[in-house]
């Protein structure tokens, strides 16, 4: 379950450009729920997702995931249980690295391991199995640099990367 309690996010606080992006936002999402957030430009949709993921620290309120207060937990620690797929798939990948290297980084997240740890024959087989679930032929292109993929292929890859460790919460 995800609970947002009275979330506040203010950008450029105490300046002429002060912007109250989230004001007293409260929301409860039950396990298994699939929700869609709809709003106009500047309504705070991305800010809310970034606050949940830990990209933006909140200025007030609490973020609770499965009974644990994660409000002050840094983004890299939240990555252990929150998967994220960005609107722009380049943000979720390292374009100059190969598909296999990107999958290795996602596999090792959030552990502090070297890239070499994630690259071995058994893991390569596992990556191919993940990629076979999406009928784009990426399982045969593990050595291809991500920047050479189409936008749709990159987006599919980021979804695989975000879900391979079975996160408690998936933000799309």
N, C-alpha and C. Protein backbone atom coordinates (compact mmCIF):
# COMPACT_ATOMS: atom_id res chain seq x y z
N UNK A 1 0.84 -1.17 0.00
CA UNK A 1 0.00 0.00 0.00
C UNK A 1 0.89 1.24 0.00
N UNK A 2 0.49 2.24 -0.77
CA UNK A 2 1.19 3.52 -0.81
C UNK A 2 0.28 4.57 -0.20
N UNK A 3 0.83 5.32 0.73
CA UNK A 3 0.07 6.41 1.35
C UNK A 3 0.87 7.69 1.24
N UNK A 4 0.26 8.70 0.67
CA UNK A 4 0.81 10.06 0.67
C UNK A 4 -0.03 10.85 1.66
N UNK A 5 0.62 11.44 2.64
CA UNK A 5 -0.08 12.21 3.67
C UNK A 5 0.35 13.67 3.63
N UNK A 6 -0.54 14.52 3.18
CA UNK A 6 -0.35 15.98 3.22
C UNK A 6 0.99 16.42 2.60
N UNK A 7 1.27 15.89 1.42
CA UNK A 7 2.55 16.18 0.75
C UNK A 7 2.58 17.62 0.26
N UNK A 8 3.71 18.26 0.52
CA UNK A 8 3.98 19.62 0.07
C UNK A 8 5.29 19.61 -0.72
N UNK A 9 5.29 20.28 -1.85
CA UNK A 9 6.54 20.47 -2.60
C UNK A 9 6.53 21.87 -3.16
N UNK A 10 7.53 22.64 -2.76
CA UNK A 10 7.65 24.03 -3.19
C UNK A 10 9.00 24.19 -3.89
N UNK A 11 8.96 24.66 -5.11
CA UNK A 11 10.18 24.95 -5.85
C UNK A 11 10.52 26.42 -5.70
N UNK A 12 11.81 26.73 -5.65
CA UNK A 12 12.31 28.12 -5.57
C UNK A 12 11.69 28.86 -4.39
N UNK A 13 11.65 28.17 -3.26
CA UNK A 13 11.03 28.73 -2.06
C UNK A 13 11.70 30.04 -1.65
N UNK A 14 10.88 30.99 -1.24
CA UNK A 14 11.32 32.31 -0.77
C UNK A 14 12.02 33.12 -1.85
N UNK A 15 11.61 32.91 -3.09
CA UNK A 15 12.11 33.72 -4.20
C UNK A 15 10.90 34.23 -4.97
N UNK A 16 11.10 35.19 -5.86
CA UNK A 16 9.96 35.66 -6.67
C UNK A 16 9.38 34.55 -7.57
N UNK A 17 10.16 33.48 -7.82
CA UNK A 17 9.69 32.38 -8.66
C UNK A 17 9.11 31.21 -7.86
N UNK A 18 8.76 31.45 -6.60
CA UNK A 18 8.23 30.38 -5.76
C UNK A 18 7.03 29.70 -6.44
N UNK A 19 7.07 28.36 -6.44
CA UNK A 19 6.02 27.58 -7.09
C UNK A 19 5.58 26.45 -6.17
N UNK A 20 4.34 26.49 -5.75
CA UNK A 20 3.77 25.43 -4.91
C UNK A 20 3.25 24.33 -5.84
N UNK A 21 4.09 23.34 -6.10
CA UNK A 21 3.75 22.29 -7.06
C UNK A 21 2.79 21.25 -6.46
N UNK A 22 2.99 20.92 -5.21
CA UNK A 22 2.10 19.99 -4.50
C UNK A 22 1.67 20.65 -3.20
N UNK A 23 0.37 20.74 -3.01
CA UNK A 23 -0.17 21.41 -1.82
C UNK A 23 -1.14 20.47 -1.12
N UNK A 24 -0.74 19.99 0.06
CA UNK A 24 -1.59 19.15 0.90
C UNK A 24 -2.15 17.95 0.13
N UNK A 25 -1.29 17.28 -0.63
CA UNK A 25 -1.70 16.12 -1.43
C UNK A 25 -1.75 14.88 -0.55
N UNK A 26 -2.92 14.27 -0.48
CA UNK A 26 -3.09 13.01 0.24
C UNK A 26 -3.72 11.99 -0.70
N UNK A 27 -3.20 10.77 -0.63
CA UNK A 27 -3.64 9.72 -1.55
C UNK A 27 -3.32 8.37 -0.92
N UNK A 28 -4.22 7.42 -1.10
CA UNK A 28 -3.99 6.06 -0.62
C UNK A 28 -4.22 5.10 -1.77
N UNK A 29 -3.21 4.28 -2.05
CA UNK A 29 -3.27 3.32 -3.15
C UNK A 29 -3.11 1.93 -2.55
N UNK A 30 -4.10 1.09 -2.76
CA UNK A 30 -4.09 -0.27 -2.21
C UNK A 30 -3.18 -1.18 -3.05
N UNK A 31 -2.69 -2.23 -2.43
CA UNK A 31 -1.90 -3.23 -3.16
C UNK A 31 -2.72 -3.75 -4.34
N UNK A 32 -2.08 -3.87 -5.49
CA UNK A 32 -2.75 -4.39 -6.68
C UNK A 32 -3.50 -3.35 -7.48
N UNK A 33 -3.65 -2.15 -6.94
CA UNK A 33 -4.34 -1.08 -7.68
C UNK A 33 -3.48 -0.60 -8.84
N UNK A 34 -4.14 -0.27 -9.92
CA UNK A 34 -3.51 0.37 -11.08
C UNK A 34 -4.23 1.70 -11.23
N UNK A 35 -3.50 2.79 -11.01
CA UNK A 35 -4.16 4.10 -11.09
C UNK A 35 -3.53 4.93 -12.20
N UNK A 36 -4.33 5.84 -12.70
CA UNK A 36 -3.89 6.80 -13.71
C UNK A 36 -4.05 8.18 -13.12
N UNK A 37 -3.03 9.00 -13.26
CA UNK A 37 -3.08 10.38 -12.78
C UNK A 37 -3.25 11.27 -14.01
N UNK A 38 -4.31 12.04 -14.02
CA UNK A 38 -4.62 12.91 -15.15
C UNK A 38 -4.63 14.35 -14.67
N UNK A 39 -4.05 15.22 -15.47
CA UNK A 39 -4.06 16.64 -15.14
C UNK A 39 -3.42 17.44 -16.25
N UNK A 40 -3.64 18.71 -16.22
CA UNK A 40 -3.08 19.60 -17.24
C UNK A 40 -1.59 19.81 -17.01
N UNK A 41 -0.94 20.43 -17.97
CA UNK A 41 0.48 20.77 -17.82
C UNK A 41 0.66 21.59 -16.56
N UNK A 42 1.68 21.24 -15.79
CA UNK A 42 1.98 21.99 -14.58
C UNK A 42 1.12 21.64 -13.38
N UNK A 43 0.29 20.61 -13.50
CA UNK A 43 -0.61 20.25 -12.40
C UNK A 43 0.12 19.52 -11.27
N UNK A 44 1.32 18.98 -11.54
CA UNK A 44 2.09 18.31 -10.50
C UNK A 44 2.18 16.80 -10.64
N UNK A 45 1.76 16.27 -11.78
CA UNK A 45 1.79 14.81 -11.99
C UNK A 45 3.22 14.26 -11.88
N UNK A 46 4.12 14.82 -12.66
CA UNK A 46 5.52 14.36 -12.63
C UNK A 46 6.17 14.67 -11.30
N UNK A 47 5.83 15.80 -10.71
CA UNK A 47 6.39 16.14 -9.40
C UNK A 47 5.98 15.11 -8.36
N UNK A 48 4.74 14.65 -8.42
CA UNK A 48 4.27 13.63 -7.48
C UNK A 48 5.06 12.33 -7.67
N UNK A 49 5.23 11.89 -8.92
CA UNK A 49 5.99 10.67 -9.18
C UNK A 49 7.44 10.82 -8.72
N UNK A 50 8.03 11.98 -8.99
CA UNK A 50 9.41 12.23 -8.57
C UNK A 50 9.54 12.28 -7.05
N UNK A 51 8.52 12.77 -6.37
CA UNK A 51 8.54 12.79 -4.90
C UNK A 51 8.46 11.36 -4.36
N UNK A 52 7.59 10.55 -4.93
CA UNK A 52 7.48 9.15 -4.49
C UNK A 52 8.78 8.40 -4.74
N UNK A 53 9.40 8.62 -5.89
CA UNK A 53 10.64 7.93 -6.25
C UNK A 53 11.85 8.46 -5.48
N UNK A 54 11.72 9.63 -4.87
CA UNK A 54 12.83 10.20 -4.12
C UNK A 54 13.69 11.15 -4.90
N UNK A 55 13.30 11.48 -6.13
CA UNK A 55 14.05 12.44 -6.94
C UNK A 55 13.98 13.81 -6.28
N UNK A 56 12.79 14.19 -5.85
CA UNK A 56 12.58 15.47 -5.16
C UNK A 56 12.25 15.20 -3.70
N UNK A 57 13.00 15.79 -2.78
CA UNK A 57 12.59 15.69 -1.38
C UNK A 57 11.33 16.54 -1.19
N UNK A 58 10.42 16.06 -0.36
CA UNK A 58 9.21 16.84 -0.11
C UNK A 58 9.47 17.86 0.99
N UNK A 59 8.69 18.93 0.96
CA UNK A 59 8.84 20.01 1.94
C UNK A 59 7.89 19.83 3.12
N UNK A 60 7.04 18.85 3.05
CA UNK A 60 6.11 18.55 4.13
C UNK A 60 5.34 17.30 3.82
N UNK A 61 4.86 16.63 4.86
CA UNK A 61 4.07 15.43 4.69
C UNK A 61 4.90 14.16 4.77
N UNK A 62 4.22 13.04 4.53
CA UNK A 62 4.87 11.72 4.63
C UNK A 62 4.54 10.88 3.41
N UNK A 63 5.51 10.04 3.05
CA UNK A 63 5.32 9.03 2.01
C UNK A 63 5.56 7.67 2.67
N UNK A 64 4.53 6.83 2.64
CA UNK A 64 4.60 5.53 3.32
C UNK A 64 4.37 4.43 2.29
N UNK A 65 5.25 3.45 2.28
CA UNK A 65 5.12 2.30 1.38
C UNK A 65 5.13 1.03 2.22
N UNK A 66 4.07 0.28 2.15
CA UNK A 66 3.92 -0.96 2.92
C UNK A 66 4.24 -0.76 4.40
N UNK A 67 3.71 0.31 4.96
CA UNK A 67 3.87 0.59 6.38
C UNK A 67 5.18 1.23 6.77
N UNK A 68 6.10 1.41 5.84
CA UNK A 68 7.41 2.00 6.14
C UNK A 68 7.43 3.45 5.65
N UNK A 69 7.83 4.35 6.52
CA UNK A 69 7.96 5.76 6.15
C UNK A 69 9.24 5.91 5.33
N UNK A 70 9.08 6.23 4.04
CA UNK A 70 10.23 6.38 3.14
C UNK A 70 10.48 7.85 2.79
N UNK A 71 9.82 8.75 3.50
CA UNK A 71 9.89 10.18 3.17
C UNK A 71 11.32 10.67 3.05
N UNK A 72 12.18 10.28 3.97
CA UNK A 72 13.55 10.78 3.98
C UNK A 72 14.57 9.79 3.41
N UNK A 73 14.08 8.71 2.83
CA UNK A 73 14.97 7.72 2.23
C UNK A 73 15.46 8.25 0.89
N UNK A 74 16.77 8.20 0.63
CA UNK A 74 17.28 8.72 -0.65
C UNK A 74 16.82 7.88 -1.84
N UNK A 75 16.85 8.49 -3.00
CA UNK A 75 16.38 7.84 -4.23
C UNK A 75 17.06 6.50 -4.47
N UNK A 76 18.38 6.43 -4.29
CA UNK A 76 19.08 5.19 -4.60
C UNK A 76 18.64 4.04 -3.70
N UNK A 77 18.21 4.32 -2.48
CA UNK A 77 17.71 3.26 -1.60
C UNK A 77 16.29 2.87 -1.96
N UNK A 78 15.50 3.83 -2.42
CA UNK A 78 14.13 3.51 -2.86
C UNK A 78 14.15 2.63 -4.10
N UNK A 79 15.22 2.72 -4.88
CA UNK A 79 15.32 1.92 -6.11
C UNK A 79 15.28 0.42 -5.82
N UNK A 80 15.52 0.02 -4.57
CA UNK A 80 15.46 -1.40 -4.21
C UNK A 80 14.03 -1.94 -4.30
N UNK A 81 13.04 -1.07 -4.17
CA UNK A 81 11.65 -1.54 -4.15
C UNK A 81 10.70 -0.70 -4.99
N UNK A 82 11.21 0.30 -5.71
CA UNK A 82 10.38 1.10 -6.62
C UNK A 82 10.99 1.01 -8.01
N UNK A 83 10.21 0.53 -8.96
CA UNK A 83 10.61 0.51 -10.36
C UNK A 83 10.06 1.75 -11.06
N UNK A 84 10.80 2.25 -12.04
CA UNK A 84 10.38 3.49 -12.69
C UNK A 84 10.61 3.40 -14.19
N UNK A 85 9.61 3.80 -14.95
CA UNK A 85 9.73 3.93 -16.39
C UNK A 85 9.40 5.38 -16.71
N UNK A 86 10.36 6.07 -17.30
CA UNK A 86 10.19 7.49 -17.61
C UNK A 86 9.49 7.68 -18.94
N UNK A 87 8.87 8.84 -19.10
CA UNK A 87 8.23 9.17 -20.37
C UNK A 87 9.26 9.16 -21.49
N UNK A 88 10.44 9.69 -21.22
CA UNK A 88 11.55 9.67 -22.17
C UNK A 88 12.43 8.48 -21.81
N UNK A 89 12.45 7.42 -22.64
CA UNK A 89 13.18 6.20 -22.27
C UNK A 89 14.68 6.40 -22.13
N UNK A 90 15.23 7.46 -22.69
CA UNK A 90 16.67 7.72 -22.52
C UNK A 90 16.98 7.97 -21.04
N UNK A 91 16.03 8.55 -20.30
CA UNK A 91 16.26 8.83 -18.88
C UNK A 91 16.40 7.56 -18.05
N UNK A 92 15.85 6.45 -18.53
CA UNK A 92 15.91 5.21 -17.77
C UNK A 92 17.02 4.27 -18.19
N UNK A 93 17.86 4.71 -19.13
CA UNK A 93 18.93 3.85 -19.64
C UNK A 93 20.23 4.64 -19.75
N UNK A 94 21.30 3.90 -20.03
CA UNK A 94 22.59 4.51 -20.35
C UNK A 94 22.79 4.28 -21.85
N UNK A 95 22.48 5.28 -22.70
CA UNK A 95 22.46 5.09 -24.15
C UNK A 95 23.77 4.62 -24.76
N UNK A 96 24.90 4.98 -24.18
CA UNK A 96 26.19 4.60 -24.78
C UNK A 96 26.63 3.20 -24.37
N UNK A 97 25.84 2.55 -23.52
CA UNK A 97 26.14 1.19 -23.10
C UNK A 97 25.24 0.21 -23.85
N UNK A 98 25.61 -1.06 -23.82
CA UNK A 98 24.84 -2.08 -24.54
C UNK A 98 23.57 -2.45 -23.78
N UNK A 99 22.71 -3.18 -24.47
CA UNK A 99 21.49 -3.70 -23.83
C UNK A 99 21.88 -4.55 -22.62
N UNK A 100 22.85 -5.43 -22.81
CA UNK A 100 23.28 -6.31 -21.72
C UNK A 100 23.84 -5.51 -20.54
N UNK A 101 24.63 -4.50 -20.80
CA UNK A 101 25.19 -3.69 -19.71
C UNK A 101 24.08 -2.95 -18.97
N UNK A 102 23.09 -2.44 -19.68
CA UNK A 102 21.96 -1.78 -19.04
C UNK A 102 21.18 -2.75 -18.16
N UNK A 103 20.93 -3.95 -18.69
CA UNK A 103 20.23 -4.96 -17.90
C UNK A 103 21.04 -5.36 -16.67
N UNK A 104 22.36 -5.42 -16.81
CA UNK A 104 23.22 -5.76 -15.67
C UNK A 104 23.13 -4.72 -14.57
N UNK A 105 23.09 -3.46 -14.97
CA UNK A 105 22.95 -2.40 -13.96
C UNK A 105 21.61 -2.51 -13.25
N UNK A 106 20.55 -2.78 -14.00
CA UNK A 106 19.23 -2.93 -13.39
C UNK A 106 19.20 -4.15 -12.47
N UNK A 107 19.85 -5.21 -12.88
CA UNK A 107 19.88 -6.44 -12.10
C UNK A 107 20.61 -6.23 -10.77
N UNK A 108 21.67 -5.47 -10.80
CA UNK A 108 22.49 -5.24 -9.60
C UNK A 108 21.90 -4.17 -8.68
N UNK A 109 20.95 -3.40 -9.16
CA UNK A 109 20.38 -2.31 -8.36
C UNK A 109 19.75 -2.85 -7.11
N UNK A 110 19.87 -2.27 -5.97
CA UNK A 110 20.65 -1.09 -5.62
C UNK A 110 21.99 -1.45 -5.02
N UNK A 111 22.42 -2.69 -5.20
CA UNK A 111 23.69 -3.12 -4.62
C UNK A 111 24.84 -2.35 -5.25
N UNK A 112 25.90 -2.20 -4.49
CA UNK A 112 27.09 -1.51 -4.99
C UNK A 112 28.03 -2.55 -5.57
N UNK A 113 27.80 -2.90 -6.83
CA UNK A 113 28.60 -3.93 -7.47
C UNK A 113 29.17 -3.39 -8.76
N UNK A 114 30.23 -4.02 -9.20
CA UNK A 114 30.82 -3.60 -10.47
C UNK A 114 30.03 -4.20 -11.62
N UNK A 115 30.17 -3.62 -12.78
CA UNK A 115 29.45 -4.08 -13.96
C UNK A 115 29.84 -5.51 -14.30
N UNK A 116 31.09 -5.87 -14.09
CA UNK A 116 31.54 -7.22 -14.40
C UNK A 116 30.79 -8.29 -13.63
N UNK A 117 30.33 -7.96 -12.42
CA UNK A 117 29.57 -8.91 -11.62
C UNK A 117 28.30 -9.33 -12.35
N UNK A 118 27.71 -8.41 -13.06
CA UNK A 118 26.44 -8.68 -13.71
C UNK A 118 26.55 -9.35 -15.06
N UNK A 119 27.76 -9.48 -15.59
CA UNK A 119 27.94 -10.05 -16.92
C UNK A 119 28.56 -11.44 -16.83
N UNK A 120 27.77 -12.46 -16.98
CA UNK A 120 28.29 -13.82 -17.07
C UNK A 120 27.31 -14.64 -17.91
N UNK A 121 27.71 -15.85 -18.23
CA UNK A 121 26.93 -16.68 -19.15
C UNK A 121 25.52 -16.94 -18.62
N UNK A 122 25.40 -17.32 -17.34
CA UNK A 122 24.08 -17.62 -16.78
C UNK A 122 23.19 -16.39 -16.75
N UNK A 123 23.77 -15.27 -16.41
CA UNK A 123 22.97 -14.05 -16.37
C UNK A 123 22.55 -13.65 -17.78
N UNK A 124 23.43 -13.85 -18.74
CA UNK A 124 23.10 -13.56 -20.14
C UNK A 124 21.88 -14.39 -20.58
N UNK A 125 21.85 -15.66 -20.19
CA UNK A 125 20.70 -16.51 -20.50
C UNK A 125 19.43 -15.95 -19.84
N UNK A 126 19.57 -15.52 -18.60
CA UNK A 126 18.43 -14.94 -17.88
C UNK A 126 17.94 -13.67 -18.57
N UNK A 127 18.86 -12.82 -19.00
CA UNK A 127 18.47 -11.59 -19.71
C UNK A 127 17.73 -11.91 -21.00
N UNK A 128 18.21 -12.93 -21.71
CA UNK A 128 17.53 -13.32 -22.95
C UNK A 128 16.10 -13.78 -22.66
N UNK A 129 15.91 -14.48 -21.55
CA UNK A 129 14.56 -14.93 -21.18
C UNK A 129 13.66 -13.73 -20.87
N UNK A 130 14.18 -12.74 -20.13
CA UNK A 130 13.39 -11.53 -19.86
C UNK A 130 12.95 -10.89 -21.17
N UNK A 131 13.91 -10.76 -22.09
CA UNK A 131 13.64 -10.05 -23.35
C UNK A 131 12.75 -10.83 -24.31
N UNK A 132 12.72 -12.15 -24.18
CA UNK A 132 11.85 -12.95 -25.05
C UNK A 132 10.37 -12.64 -24.80
N UNK A 133 10.07 -12.11 -23.63
CA UNK A 133 8.68 -11.78 -23.30
C UNK A 133 8.15 -10.61 -24.12
N UNK A 134 9.04 -9.85 -24.72
CA UNK A 134 8.61 -8.75 -25.59
C UNK A 134 9.06 -9.09 -27.00
N UNK A 135 8.14 -9.23 -27.93
CA UNK A 135 8.47 -9.74 -29.27
C UNK A 135 9.14 -8.70 -30.17
N UNK A 136 10.32 -8.24 -29.74
CA UNK A 136 11.04 -7.23 -30.52
C UNK A 136 12.41 -7.72 -30.99
N UNK A 137 12.76 -8.96 -30.66
CA UNK A 137 14.04 -9.51 -31.07
C UNK A 137 15.24 -8.99 -30.29
N UNK A 138 15.00 -8.30 -29.19
CA UNK A 138 16.12 -7.73 -28.42
C UNK A 138 16.98 -8.80 -27.76
N UNK A 139 16.43 -9.98 -27.55
CA UNK A 139 17.21 -11.06 -26.92
C UNK A 139 18.39 -11.48 -27.78
N UNK A 140 18.34 -11.17 -29.06
CA UNK A 140 19.44 -11.49 -29.97
C UNK A 140 20.35 -10.30 -30.24
N UNK A 141 20.14 -9.21 -29.51
CA UNK A 141 20.92 -7.99 -29.74
C UNK A 141 21.54 -7.46 -28.45
N UNK A 142 21.93 -8.34 -27.56
CA UNK A 142 22.46 -7.92 -26.26
C UNK A 142 23.68 -7.01 -26.38
N UNK A 143 24.45 -7.14 -27.44
CA UNK A 143 25.66 -6.31 -27.59
C UNK A 143 25.39 -4.99 -28.32
N UNK A 144 24.14 -4.72 -28.66
CA UNK A 144 23.77 -3.47 -29.33
C UNK A 144 23.71 -2.33 -28.33
N UNK A 145 24.27 -1.19 -28.70
CA UNK A 145 24.19 0.00 -27.84
C UNK A 145 22.75 0.49 -27.83
N UNK A 146 22.29 0.90 -26.66
CA UNK A 146 20.90 1.32 -26.48
C UNK A 146 20.56 2.52 -27.36
N UNK A 147 21.52 3.40 -27.61
CA UNK A 147 21.24 4.58 -28.43
C UNK A 147 20.88 4.22 -29.87
N UNK A 148 21.17 2.98 -30.29
CA UNK A 148 20.85 2.54 -31.64
C UNK A 148 19.45 1.92 -31.75
N UNK A 149 18.77 1.79 -30.63
CA UNK A 149 17.42 1.22 -30.63
C UNK A 149 16.39 2.29 -30.99
N UNK A 150 15.26 1.84 -31.49
CA UNK A 150 14.15 2.77 -31.74
C UNK A 150 13.57 3.22 -30.40
N UNK A 151 12.76 4.25 -30.43
CA UNK A 151 12.14 4.74 -29.20
C UNK A 151 11.29 3.67 -28.52
N UNK A 152 10.54 2.91 -29.31
CA UNK A 152 9.71 1.84 -28.76
C UNK A 152 10.53 0.72 -28.15
N UNK A 153 11.64 0.38 -28.79
CA UNK A 153 12.52 -0.65 -28.25
C UNK A 153 13.15 -0.19 -26.94
N UNK A 154 13.57 1.08 -26.90
CA UNK A 154 14.15 1.62 -25.65
C UNK A 154 13.10 1.61 -24.54
N UNK A 155 11.87 1.99 -24.88
CA UNK A 155 10.81 2.02 -23.87
C UNK A 155 10.54 0.60 -23.34
N UNK A 156 10.52 -0.38 -24.23
CA UNK A 156 10.32 -1.77 -23.80
C UNK A 156 11.48 -2.23 -22.91
N UNK A 157 12.69 -1.85 -23.27
CA UNK A 157 13.86 -2.21 -22.47
C UNK A 157 13.76 -1.59 -21.08
N UNK A 158 13.36 -0.33 -20.99
CA UNK A 158 13.25 0.31 -19.67
C UNK A 158 12.18 -0.37 -18.82
N UNK A 159 11.11 -0.85 -19.45
CA UNK A 159 10.08 -1.57 -18.70
C UNK A 159 10.64 -2.89 -18.16
N UNK A 160 11.40 -3.61 -18.97
CA UNK A 160 12.03 -4.85 -18.50
C UNK A 160 12.98 -4.53 -17.35
N UNK A 161 13.78 -3.48 -17.49
CA UNK A 161 14.73 -3.11 -16.45
C UNK A 161 14.02 -2.74 -15.15
N UNK A 162 12.90 -2.05 -15.26
CA UNK A 162 12.17 -1.60 -14.07
C UNK A 162 11.47 -2.74 -13.35
N UNK A 163 11.15 -3.82 -14.06
CA UNK A 163 10.36 -4.89 -13.45
C UNK A 163 11.14 -6.17 -13.16
N UNK A 164 12.37 -6.26 -13.60
CA UNK A 164 13.10 -7.53 -13.46
C UNK A 164 13.35 -7.92 -12.00
N UNK A 165 13.38 -6.97 -11.08
CA UNK A 165 13.59 -7.28 -9.67
C UNK A 165 12.28 -7.29 -8.88
N UNK A 166 11.15 -7.33 -9.57
CA UNK A 166 9.82 -7.41 -8.96
C UNK A 166 9.62 -6.32 -7.89
N UNK A 167 9.55 -5.06 -8.31
CA UNK A 167 9.41 -3.97 -7.34
C UNK A 167 8.05 -4.01 -6.63
N UNK A 168 8.00 -3.44 -5.42
CA UNK A 168 6.74 -3.31 -4.70
C UNK A 168 5.83 -2.30 -5.39
N UNK A 169 6.46 -1.32 -6.04
CA UNK A 169 5.71 -0.23 -6.68
C UNK A 169 6.35 0.05 -8.03
N UNK A 170 5.52 0.18 -9.06
CA UNK A 170 6.00 0.51 -10.40
C UNK A 170 5.39 1.84 -10.81
N UNK A 171 6.24 2.81 -11.10
CA UNK A 171 5.80 4.14 -11.54
C UNK A 171 6.04 4.25 -13.03
N UNK A 172 4.97 4.51 -13.78
CA UNK A 172 5.06 4.64 -15.24
C UNK A 172 4.76 6.06 -15.64
